C-alpha atoms as a PDB file:
ATOM      1  CA  UNK A   1       7.947 -32.176  10.830  1.00  0.00           C
ATOM      2  CA  UNK A   2       6.950 -29.796   8.192  1.00  0.00           C
ATOM      3  CA  UNK A   3       3.735 -31.009   8.101  1.00  0.00           C
ATOM      4  CA  UNK A   4       1.950 -31.661  11.554  1.00  0.00           C
ATOM      5  CA  UNK A   5       1.490 -28.470  14.160  1.00  0.00           C
ATOM      6  CA  UNK A   6       3.846 -27.613  16.733  1.00  0.00           C
ATOM      7  CA  UNK A   7       2.620 -28.100  20.546  1.00  0.00           C
ATOM      8  CA  UNK A   8       3.595 -24.440  22.314  1.00  0.00           C
ATOM      9  CA  UNK A   9       3.595 -25.298  26.129  1.00  0.00           C
ATOM     10  CA  UNK A  10       0.469 -26.337  27.804  1.00  0.00           C
ATOM     11  CA  UNK A  11      -1.775 -24.163  25.425  1.00  0.00           C
ATOM     12  CA  UNK A  12      -3.642 -25.200  21.858  1.00  0.00           C
ATOM     13  CA  UNK A  13      -1.434 -26.810  19.635  1.00  0.00           C
ATOM     14  CA  UNK A  14       0.771 -23.507  17.660  1.00  0.00           C
ATOM     15  CA  UNK A  15       0.751 -23.365  13.591  1.00  0.00           C
ATOM     16  CA  UNK A  16       4.464 -23.442  12.360  1.00  0.00           C
ATOM     17  CA  UNK A  17       5.664 -20.247  10.684  1.00  0.00           C
ATOM     18  CA  UNK A  18       6.443 -19.653   7.155  1.00  0.00           C
ATOM     19  CA  UNK A  19       7.876 -16.496   6.293  1.00  0.00           C
ATOM     20  CA  UNK A  20       7.964 -15.864   2.278  1.00  0.00           C
ATOM     21  CA  UNK A  21       8.877 -13.130   0.232  1.00  0.00           C
ATOM     22  CA  UNK A  22       7.474 -12.573  -3.046  1.00  0.00           C
ATOM     23  CA  UNK A  23       4.463 -14.150  -1.583  1.00  0.00           C
ATOM     24  CA  UNK A  24       2.298 -12.284  -3.450  1.00  0.00           C
ATOM     25  CA  UNK A  25       2.015 -14.361  -6.948  1.00  0.00           C
ATOM     26  CA  UNK A  26       3.780 -16.741  -9.132  1.00  0.00           C
ATOM     27  CA  UNK A  27       6.152 -18.904  -6.823  1.00  0.00           C
ATOM     28  CA  UNK A  28       6.100 -17.210  -3.880  1.00  0.00           C
ATOM     29  CA  UNK A  29       2.488 -17.290  -3.577  1.00  0.00           C
ATOM     30  CA  UNK A  30       2.176 -21.050  -4.709  1.00  0.00           C
ATOM     31  CA  UNK A  31       5.098 -21.885  -2.205  1.00  0.00           C
ATOM     32  CA  UNK A  32       2.591 -20.113   0.248  1.00  0.00           C
ATOM     33  CA  UNK A  33      -0.425 -21.988  -1.060  1.00  0.00           C
ATOM     34  CA  UNK A  34       1.477 -25.333  -0.236  1.00  0.00           C
ATOM     35  CA  UNK A  35       2.874 -24.540   3.366  1.00  0.00           C
ATOM     36  CA  UNK A  36      -0.020 -23.126   4.388  1.00  0.00           C
ATOM     37  CA  UNK A  37      -2.784 -26.930   3.577  1.00  0.00           C
ATOM     38  CA  UNK A  38       0.397 -28.783   5.366  1.00  0.00           C
ATOM     39  CA  UNK A  39      -0.533 -26.529   8.174  1.00  0.00           C
ATOM     40  CA  UNK A  40       0.940 -23.345   8.294  1.00  0.00           C
ATOM     41  CA  UNK A  41       0.266 -20.215   9.478  1.00  0.00           C
ATOM     42  CA  UNK A  42       2.157 -18.114   5.862  1.00  0.00           C
ATOM     43  CA  UNK A  43       3.114 -14.379   6.229  1.00  0.00           C
ATOM     44  CA  UNK A  44       3.353 -13.704   2.356  1.00  0.00           C
ATOM     45  CA  UNK A  45       5.930 -10.041   1.789  1.00  0.00           C
ATOM     46  CA  UNK A  46       5.498  -8.145  -0.975  1.00  0.00           C
ATOM     47  CA  UNK A  47       5.851  -4.671  -2.450  1.00  0.00           C
ATOM     48  CA  UNK A  48       2.604  -4.048  -3.884  1.00  0.00           C
ATOM     49  CA  UNK A  49      -0.421  -3.299  -1.545  1.00  0.00           C
ATOM     50  CA  UNK A  50      -2.640  -4.338  -3.965  1.00  0.00           C
ATOM     51  CA  UNK A  51      -1.180  -7.385  -5.194  1.00  0.00           C
ATOM     52  CA  UNK A  52      -0.665  -8.473  -1.752  1.00  0.00           C
ATOM     53  CA  UNK A  53      -4.634  -8.003  -1.069  1.00  0.00           C
ATOM     54  CA  UNK A  54      -5.643 -10.373  -3.619  1.00  0.00           C
ATOM     55  CA  UNK A  55      -3.228 -12.493  -2.716  1.00  0.00           C
ATOM     56  CA  UNK A  56      -4.151 -12.715   1.118  1.00  0.00           C
ATOM     57  CA  UNK A  57      -8.006 -12.895  -0.246  1.00  0.00           C
ATOM     58  CA  UNK A  58      -6.785 -16.318  -2.405  1.00  0.00           C
ATOM     59  CA  UNK A  59      -5.218 -17.743   0.310  1.00  0.00           C
ATOM     60  CA  UNK A  60      -7.809 -17.208   2.556  1.00  0.00           C
ATOM     61  CA  UNK A  61     -11.017 -18.619   0.112  1.00  0.00           C
ATOM     62  CA  UNK A  62      -8.412 -21.818   0.342  1.00  0.00           C
ATOM     63  CA  UNK A  63      -8.815 -21.901   4.540  1.00  0.00           C
ATOM     64  CA  UNK A  64      -5.265 -21.042   4.972  1.00  0.00           C
ATOM     65  CA  UNK A  65      -3.847 -19.000   7.807  1.00  0.00           C
ATOM     66  CA  UNK A  66      -2.583 -16.322   6.579  1.00  0.00           C
ATOM     67  CA  UNK A  67      -1.145 -12.341   6.810  1.00  0.00           C
ATOM     68  CA  UNK A  68       0.192 -10.355   4.475  1.00  0.00           C
ATOM     69  CA  UNK A  69       2.957  -7.752   4.949  1.00  0.00           C
ATOM     70  CA  UNK A  70       3.975  -4.760   2.097  1.00  0.00           C
ATOM     71  CA  UNK A  71       7.880  -5.206   2.721  1.00  0.00           C
ATOM     72  CA  UNK A  72      10.798  -4.346   0.085  1.00  0.00           C
ATOM     73  CA  UNK A  73      13.484  -6.640   0.835  1.00  0.00           C
ATOM     74  CA  UNK A  74      16.165  -3.971  -0.301  1.00  0.00           C
ATOM     75  CA  UNK A  75      15.590  -2.707   3.326  1.00  0.00           C
ATOM     76  CA  UNK A  76      17.292  -4.578   5.862  1.00  0.00           C
ATOM     77  CA  UNK A  77      15.989  -3.072   8.965  1.00  0.00           C
ATOM     78  CA  UNK A  78      12.397  -3.470   8.091  1.00  0.00           C
ATOM     79  CA  UNK A  79      13.250  -6.906   7.272  1.00  0.00           C
ATOM     80  CA  UNK A  80      14.931  -7.369  10.847  1.00  0.00           C
ATOM     81  CA  UNK A  81      11.335  -5.662  12.325  1.00  0.00           C
ATOM     82  CA  UNK A  82       8.792  -7.480  10.601  1.00  0.00           C
ATOM     83  CA  UNK A  83      10.691 -10.882  11.233  1.00  0.00           C
ATOM     84  CA  UNK A  84      11.108  -9.846  14.749  1.00  0.00           C
ATOM     85  CA  UNK A  85       7.227  -8.839  15.193  1.00  0.00           C
ATOM     86  CA  UNK A  86       6.489 -11.797  13.188  1.00  0.00           C
ATOM     87  CA  UNK A  87       8.082 -13.967  15.607  1.00  0.00           C
ATOM     88  CA  UNK A  88       7.424 -12.172  18.594  1.00  0.00           C
ATOM     89  CA  UNK A  89       3.790 -13.127  17.631  1.00  0.00           C
ATOM     90  CA  UNK A  90       4.470 -16.870  16.204  1.00  0.00           C
ATOM     91  CA  UNK A  91       7.785 -18.451  17.454  1.00  0.00           C
ATOM     92  CA  UNK A  92      10.512 -18.983  15.158  1.00  0.00           C
ATOM     93  CA  UNK A  93       9.778 -19.719  11.425  1.00  0.00           C
ATOM     94  CA  UNK A  94       9.897 -23.265  10.354  1.00  0.00           C
ATOM     95  CA  UNK A  95      10.241 -22.029   7.015  1.00  0.00           C
ATOM     96  CA  UNK A  96      11.758 -18.959   5.518  1.00  0.00           C
ATOM     97  CA  UNK A  97      11.349 -18.779   1.705  1.00  0.00           C
ATOM     98  CA  UNK A  98      13.416 -16.368  -0.488  1.00  0.00           C
ATOM     99  CA  UNK A  99      11.136 -15.674  -3.753  1.00  0.00           C
ATOM    100  CA  UNK A 100      11.230 -11.899  -4.052  1.00  0.00           C
ATOM    101  CA  UNK A 101      13.096 -11.206  -7.517  1.00  0.00           C
ATOM    102  CA  UNK A 102      13.325  -9.195 -10.228  1.00  0.00           C
ATOM    103  CA  UNK A 103      14.438  -9.592 -14.032  1.00  0.00           C
ATOM    104  CA  UNK A 104      15.552  -6.617 -16.693  1.00  0.00           C
ATOM    105  CA  UNK A 105      16.152  -8.457 -19.473  1.00  0.00           C
ATOM    106  CA  UNK A 106      18.817  -6.401 -22.182  1.00  0.00           C
ATOM    107  CA  UNK A 107      22.779  -6.951 -23.605  1.00  0.00           C
ATOM    108  CA  UNK A 108      24.796  -5.441 -20.679  1.00  0.00           C
ATOM    109  CA  UNK A 109      26.929  -2.952 -23.328  1.00  0.00           C
ATOM    110  CA  UNK A 110      23.286  -1.815 -24.187  1.00  0.00           C
ATOM    111  CA  UNK A 111      21.189  -1.303 -20.711  1.00  0.00           C
ATOM    112  CA  UNK A 112      20.839   1.220 -18.610  1.00  0.00           C
ATOM    113  CA  UNK A 113      24.028   1.034 -15.758  1.00  0.00           C
ATOM    114  CA  UNK A 114      21.588   0.719 -12.805  1.00  0.00           C
ATOM    115  CA  UNK A 115      19.522  -2.581 -14.040  1.00  0.00           C
ATOM    116  CA  UNK A 116      22.321  -4.440 -12.537  1.00  0.00           C
ATOM    117  CA  UNK A 117      22.381  -3.093  -9.334  1.00  0.00           C
ATOM    118  CA  UNK A 118      19.154  -2.938  -9.174  1.00  0.00           C
ATOM    119  CA  UNK A 119      18.668  -6.592 -10.045  1.00  0.00           C
ATOM    120  CA  UNK A 120      21.927  -7.548  -7.740  1.00  0.00           C
ATOM    121  CA  UNK A 121      19.469  -5.132  -4.402  1.00  0.00           C
ATOM    122  CA  UNK A 122      16.440  -7.051  -4.914  1.00  0.00           C
ATOM    123  CA  UNK A 123      17.435 -10.400  -6.327  1.00  0.00           C
ATOM    124  CA  UNK A 124      20.904 -11.821  -3.663  1.00  0.00           C
ATOM    125  CA  UNK A 125      20.733  -8.973  -1.101  1.00  0.00           C
ATOM    126  CA  UNK A 126      17.078  -8.760  -0.741  1.00  0.00           C
ATOM    127  CA  UNK A 127      17.334 -12.859  -0.274  1.00  0.00           C
ATOM    128  CA  UNK A 128      20.390 -11.751   2.552  1.00  0.00           C
ATOM    129  CA  UNK A 129      18.539  -9.658   4.389  1.00  0.00           C
ATOM    130  CA  UNK A 130      15.577 -11.622   5.009  1.00  0.00           C
ATOM    131  CA  UNK A 131      17.594 -14.784   5.795  1.00  0.00           C
ATOM    132  CA  UNK A 132      19.836 -12.487   8.163  1.00  0.00           C
ATOM    133  CA  UNK A 133      17.078 -11.273   9.846  1.00  0.00           C
ATOM    134  CA  UNK A 134      15.095 -14.918  10.355  1.00  0.00           C
ATOM    135  CA  UNK A 135      17.994 -17.597  10.903  1.00  0.00           C
ATOM    136  CA  UNK A 136      19.409 -16.850  14.701  1.00  0.00           C
ATOM    137  CA  UNK A 137      15.541 -18.014  15.912  1.00  0.00           C
ATOM    138  CA  UNK A 138      15.503 -20.766  13.624  1.00  0.00           C
ATOM    139  CA  UNK A 139      19.442 -21.366  15.041  1.00  0.00           C
ATOM    140  CA  UNK A 140      17.757 -21.035  18.868  1.00  0.00           C
ATOM    141  CA  UNK A 141      15.193 -23.259  18.032  1.00  0.00           C
ATOM    142  CA  UNK A 142      17.416 -25.782  16.328  1.00  0.00           C
ATOM    143  CA  UNK A 143      15.075 -26.272  13.193  1.00  0.00           C
ATOM    144  CA  UNK A 144      13.968 -25.182  10.150  1.00  0.00           C
ATOM    145  CA  UNK A 145      14.038 -25.140   6.381  1.00  0.00           C
ATOM    146  CA  UNK A 146      15.250 -22.025   4.402  1.00  0.00           C
ATOM    147  CA  UNK A 147      14.397 -22.150   0.935  1.00  0.00           C
ATOM    148  CA  UNK A 148      15.846 -19.608  -1.875  1.00  0.00           C
ATOM    149  CA  UNK A 149      14.230 -19.030  -5.603  1.00  0.00           C
ATOM    150  CA  UNK A 150      17.819 -18.641  -8.099  1.00  0.00           C
ATOM    151  CA  UNK A 151      16.688 -19.443 -11.327  1.00  0.00           C
ATOM    152  CA  UNK A 152      18.188 -22.054 -14.212  1.00  0.00           C
ATOM    153  CA  UNK A 153      20.391 -18.725 -14.795  1.00  0.00           C
ATOM    154  CA  UNK A 154      21.720 -19.277 -11.746  1.00  0.00           C
ATOM    155  CA  UNK A 155      23.137 -22.343 -13.014  1.00  0.00           C
ATOM    156  CA  UNK A 156      24.651 -20.887 -16.475  1.00  0.00           C
ATOM    157  CA  UNK A 157      25.066 -17.820 -18.385  1.00  0.00           C
ATOM    158  CA  UNK A 158      22.548 -16.545 -20.371  1.00  0.00           C
ATOM    159  CA  UNK A 159      23.692 -13.986 -22.515  1.00  0.00           C
ATOM    160  CA  UNK A 160      21.487 -10.773 -22.327  1.00  0.00           C
ATOM    161  CA  UNK A 161      21.068 -11.241 -18.597  1.00  0.00           C
ATOM    162  CA  UNK A 162      24.242 -10.735 -17.483  1.00  0.00           C
ATOM    163  CA  UNK A 163      23.363  -8.646 -14.190  1.00  0.00           C
ATOM    164  CA  UNK A 164      20.464 -11.572 -13.844  1.00  0.00           C
ATOM    165  CA  UNK A 165      22.810 -14.241 -13.677  1.00  0.00           C
ATOM    166  CA  UNK A 166      24.889 -12.618 -11.613  1.00  0.00           C
ATOM    167  CA  UNK A 167      22.375 -11.860  -8.920  1.00  0.00           C
ATOM    168  CA  UNK A 168      21.462 -15.263  -9.500  1.00  0.00           C
ATOM    169  CA  UNK A 169      25.284 -17.393  -9.248  1.00  0.00           C
ATOM    170  CA  UNK A 170      25.138 -15.393  -6.030  1.00  0.00           C
ATOM    171  CA  UNK A 171      22.061 -16.881  -4.722  1.00  0.00           C
ATOM    172  CA  UNK A 172      23.235 -19.782  -5.274  1.00  0.00           C
ATOM    173  CA  UNK A 173      26.928 -19.280  -3.952  1.00  0.00           C
ATOM    174  CA  UNK A 174      25.470 -17.459  -0.794  1.00  0.00           C
ATOM    175  CA  UNK A 175      23.303 -21.069  -0.260  1.00  0.00           C
ATOM    176  CA  UNK A 176      26.106 -23.643  -1.030  1.00  0.00           C
ATOM    177  CA  UNK A 177      27.693 -21.613   2.039  1.00  0.00           C
ATOM    178  CA  UNK A 178      24.992 -20.787   4.296  1.00  0.00           C
ATOM    179  CA  UNK A 179      24.201 -24.385   4.175  1.00  0.00           C
ATOM    180  CA  UNK A 180      27.312 -25.835   5.248  1.00  0.00           C
ATOM    181  CA  UNK A 181      27.471 -22.820   8.182  1.00  0.00           C
ATOM    182  CA  UNK A 182      23.557 -23.918   9.548  1.00  0.00           C
ATOM    183  CA  UNK A 183      23.873 -27.913   9.069  1.00  0.00           C
ATOM    184  CA  UNK A 184      25.199 -28.003  12.717  1.00  0.00           C
ATOM    185  CA  UNK A 185      22.365 -26.327  13.575  1.00  0.00           C
ATOM    186  CA  UNK A 186      19.604 -28.142  12.374  1.00  0.00           C
ATOM    187  CA  UNK A 187      18.305 -25.400  10.020  1.00  0.00           C
ATOM    188  CA  UNK A 188      18.596 -27.459   6.062  1.00  0.00           C
ATOM    189  CA  UNK A 189      18.893 -24.747   3.519  1.00  0.00           C
ATOM    190  CA  UNK A 190      17.526 -25.176  -0.567  1.00  0.00           C
ATOM    191  CA  UNK A 191      18.068 -22.859  -3.894  1.00  0.00           C
ATOM    192  CA  UNK A 192      15.628 -23.517  -6.559  1.00  0.00           C
ATOM    193  CA  UNK A 193      16.991 -23.225  -9.965  1.00  0.00           C
ATOM    194  CA  UNK A 194      13.576 -22.941 -12.419  1.00  0.00           C
ATOM    195  CA  UNK A 195      13.096 -22.557 -15.610  1.00  0.00           C
ATOM    196  CA  UNK A 196      11.140 -19.960 -17.381  1.00  0.00           C
ATOM    197  CA  UNK A 197       7.909 -19.946 -14.900  1.00  0.00           C
ATOM    198  CA  UNK A 198       4.186 -18.771 -16.433  1.00  0.00           C
ATOM    199  CA  UNK A 199       4.393 -15.733 -13.525  1.00  0.00           C
ATOM    200  CA  UNK A 200       4.177 -12.128 -13.976  1.00  0.00           C
ATOM    201  CA  UNK A 201       7.248 -11.818 -13.544  1.00  0.00           C
ATOM    202  CA  UNK A 202       7.686 -13.558 -16.976  1.00  0.00           C
ATOM    203  CA  UNK A 203       4.716 -11.777 -18.619  1.00  0.00           C
ATOM    204  CA  UNK A 204       7.175  -8.437 -18.178  1.00  0.00           C
ATOM    205  CA  UNK A 205      10.006  -9.916 -19.103  1.00  0.00           C
ATOM    206  CA  UNK A 206       9.122 -11.683 -22.528  1.00  0.00           C
ATOM    207  CA  UNK A 207       8.592  -7.965 -24.742  1.00  0.00           C
ATOM    208  CA  UNK A 208      12.339  -7.230 -23.355  1.00  0.00           C
ATOM    209  CA  UNK A 209      14.031 -10.119 -24.214  1.00  0.00           C
ATOM    210  CA  UNK A 210      16.903  -9.392 -26.842  1.00  0.00           C
ATOM    211  CA  UNK A 211      15.347 -11.479 -30.045  1.00  0.00           C
ATOM    212  CA  UNK A 212      18.432 -12.576 -31.152  1.00  0.00           C
ATOM    213  CA  UNK A 213      18.745 -14.756 -27.661  1.00  0.00           C
ATOM    214  CA  UNK A 214      15.079 -15.595 -27.725  1.00  0.00           C
ATOM    215  CA  UNK A 215      15.455 -18.435 -29.184  1.00  0.00           C
ATOM    216  CA  UNK A 216      17.698 -20.818 -26.393  1.00  0.00           C
ATOM    217  CA  UNK A 217      16.141 -18.330 -23.532  1.00  0.00           C
ATOM    218  CA  UNK A 218      12.501 -19.214 -24.004  1.00  0.00           C
ATOM    219  CA  UNK A 219      13.506 -22.382 -25.981  1.00  0.00           C
ATOM    220  CA  UNK A 220      10.869 -24.638 -23.255  1.00  0.00           C
ATOM    221  CA  UNK A 221       6.912 -24.115 -22.369  1.00  0.00           C
ATOM    222  CA  UNK A 222       7.050 -22.206 -19.118  1.00  0.00           C
ATOM    223  CA  UNK A 223       6.183 -24.398 -15.809  1.00  0.00           C
ATOM    224  CA  UNK A 224       3.466 -23.468 -13.372  1.00  0.00           C
ATOM    225  CA  UNK A 225       4.201 -22.089 -10.226  1.00  0.00           C
ATOM    226  CA  UNK A 226       2.216 -25.053  -8.222  1.00  0.00           C
ATOM    227  CA  UNK A 227       4.976 -27.391 -10.480  1.00  0.00           C
ATOM    228  CA  UNK A 228       7.590 -25.253  -8.917  1.00  0.00           C
ATOM    229  CA  UNK A 229       6.894 -24.554  -5.602  1.00  0.00           C
ATOM    230  CA  UNK A 230       5.441 -28.183  -4.868  1.00  0.00           C
ATOM    231  CA  UNK A 231       9.036 -29.758  -6.616  1.00  0.00           C
ATOM    232  CA  UNK A 232      10.902 -27.032  -3.923  1.00  0.00           C
ATOM    233  CA  UNK A 233       9.108 -27.878  -1.059  1.00  0.00           C
ATOM    234  CA  UNK A 234       9.443 -31.428  -1.354  1.00  0.00           C
ATOM    235  CA  UNK A 235      13.313 -31.221  -1.671  1.00  0.00           C
ATOM    236  CA  UNK A 236      13.430 -29.341   0.967  1.00  0.00           C
ATOM    237  CA  UNK A 237      11.598 -31.859   3.040  1.00  0.00           C
ATOM    238  CA  UNK A 238      14.375 -34.674   1.939  1.00  0.00           C
ATOM    239  CA  UNK A 239      16.891 -32.172   3.299  1.00  0.00           C
ATOM    240  CA  UNK A 240      17.870 -31.607  -0.572  1.00  0.00           C
ATOM    241  CA  UNK A 241      19.768 -28.063  -1.652  1.00  0.00           C
ATOM    242  CA  UNK A 242      19.365 -27.953  -5.062  1.00  0.00           C
ATOM    243  CA  UNK A 243      15.886 -27.933  -7.009  1.00  0.00           C
ATOM    244  CA  UNK A 244      15.926 -28.792 -10.086  1.00  0.00           C
ATOM    245  CA  UNK A 245      12.141 -29.096 -11.557  1.00  0.00           C
ATOM    246  CA  UNK A 246      13.289 -30.858 -14.635  1.00  0.00           C
ATOM    247  CA  UNK A 247      15.085 -33.440 -15.868  1.00  0.00           C
ATOM    248  CA  UNK A 248      18.108 -31.477 -17.903  1.00  0.00           C
ATOM    249  CA  UNK A 249      18.681 -29.033 -15.345  1.00  0.00           C
ATOM    250  CA  UNK A 250      18.380 -31.588 -12.593  1.00  0.00           C
ATOM    251  CA  UNK A 251      21.114 -33.477 -15.094  1.00  0.00           C
ATOM    252  CA  UNK A 252      23.428 -30.307 -15.577  1.00  0.00           C
ATOM    253  CA  UNK A 253      22.564 -29.256 -11.791  1.00  0.00           C
ATOM    254  CA  UNK A 254      24.259 -33.393 -10.469  1.00  0.00           C
ATOM    255  CA  UNK A 255      26.924 -32.343 -12.585  1.00  0.00           C
ATOM    256  CA  UNK A 256      27.977 -29.493 -10.939  1.00  0.00           C
ATOM    257  CA  UNK A 257      26.587 -30.330  -7.810  1.00  0.00           C
ATOM    258  CA  UNK A 258      29.082 -33.311  -7.661  1.00  0.00           C
ATOM    259  CA  UNK A 259      32.355 -30.799  -7.020  1.00  0.00           C
ATOM    260  CA  UNK A 260      30.381 -28.360  -4.923  1.00  0.00           C
ATOM    261  CA  UNK A 261      29.051 -31.513  -2.998  1.00  0.00           C
ATOM    262  CA  UNK A 262      32.383 -32.968  -2.208  1.00  0.00           C
ATOM    263  CA  UNK A 263      33.948 -29.624  -0.876  1.00  0.00           C
ATOM    264  CA  UNK A 264      30.576 -28.806   1.150  1.00  0.00           C
ATOM    265  CA  UNK A 265      31.604 -32.326   3.318  1.00  0.00           C
ATOM    266  CA  UNK A 266      35.031 -31.686   3.563  1.00  0.00           C
ATOM    267  CA  UNK A 267      34.364 -27.988   5.570  1.00  0.00           C
ATOM    268  CA  UNK A 268      31.128 -29.546   7.707  1.00  0.00           C
ATOM    269  CA  UNK A 269      34.293 -32.119   9.022  1.00  0.00           C
ATOM    270  CA  UNK A 270      36.367 -29.143   9.360  1.00  0.00           C
ATOM    271  CA  UNK A 271      33.881 -26.881  11.498  1.00  0.00           C
ATOM    272  CA  UNK A 272      33.133 -29.929  13.480  1.00  0.00           C
ATOM    273  CA  UNK A 273      36.267 -30.745  14.271  1.00  0.00           C
ATOM    274  CA  UNK A 274      36.803 -27.418  15.777  1.00  0.00           C
ATOM    275  CA  UNK A 275      32.979 -27.034  17.702  1.00  0.00           C
ATOM    276  CA  UNK A 276      33.486 -26.331  22.012  1.00  0.00           C
END
């Protein structure tokens, strides 16, 4: 479904809409490229106008239909207003990809106390704000993919990343609950748990990474964002929940997913029994 244009009434075919936060760089921009080449109109959202302009020009050079919008996902009212405007123009989104995120490395007791809420507000609450704005129209349409970018640090704790881990664990838990709630409506939920990925965020993070934990936290070669994005889209199209783009992370995710998968199926059955 996501690879084809969707008919709109008796008029010409209408391109499905993909809304992507954090769409000006990194994984978000790579997802925009993947979905744009599949025929979607991509709406990229980010805070930095200069980066947005550059990303829009990059996508347009690839003949992708794109609109760029300055948005801080921490602002729930702004998320709702922008998504409502996009839905009014393009119809309910086929894809919503929450990729906006920040990281502030440092040992918890040594960090400024503001670092933890800052990461929670952008990484988790920003994700929830975007999903809350977009999901009702997707439920009404009875179809769509919601994809969230968490992290390998959302699978296990990493010293020096307490606030970041908390925010990404929250994204994963949010996604696990939401996939249960939206399954009957035909809306799938997928969460990506990538390792280090070659993005501007990693370039910012590395110099601040505590030296004592660097041999563990930075033990592998960073993945290209294109690899992470392609794996996320493929997983979502197959109806998969966890997108773990390396064999090692996939093994960890499978072990963790056994229990949560059983719990999810039990809850889905309970919800179906209580449907009117």
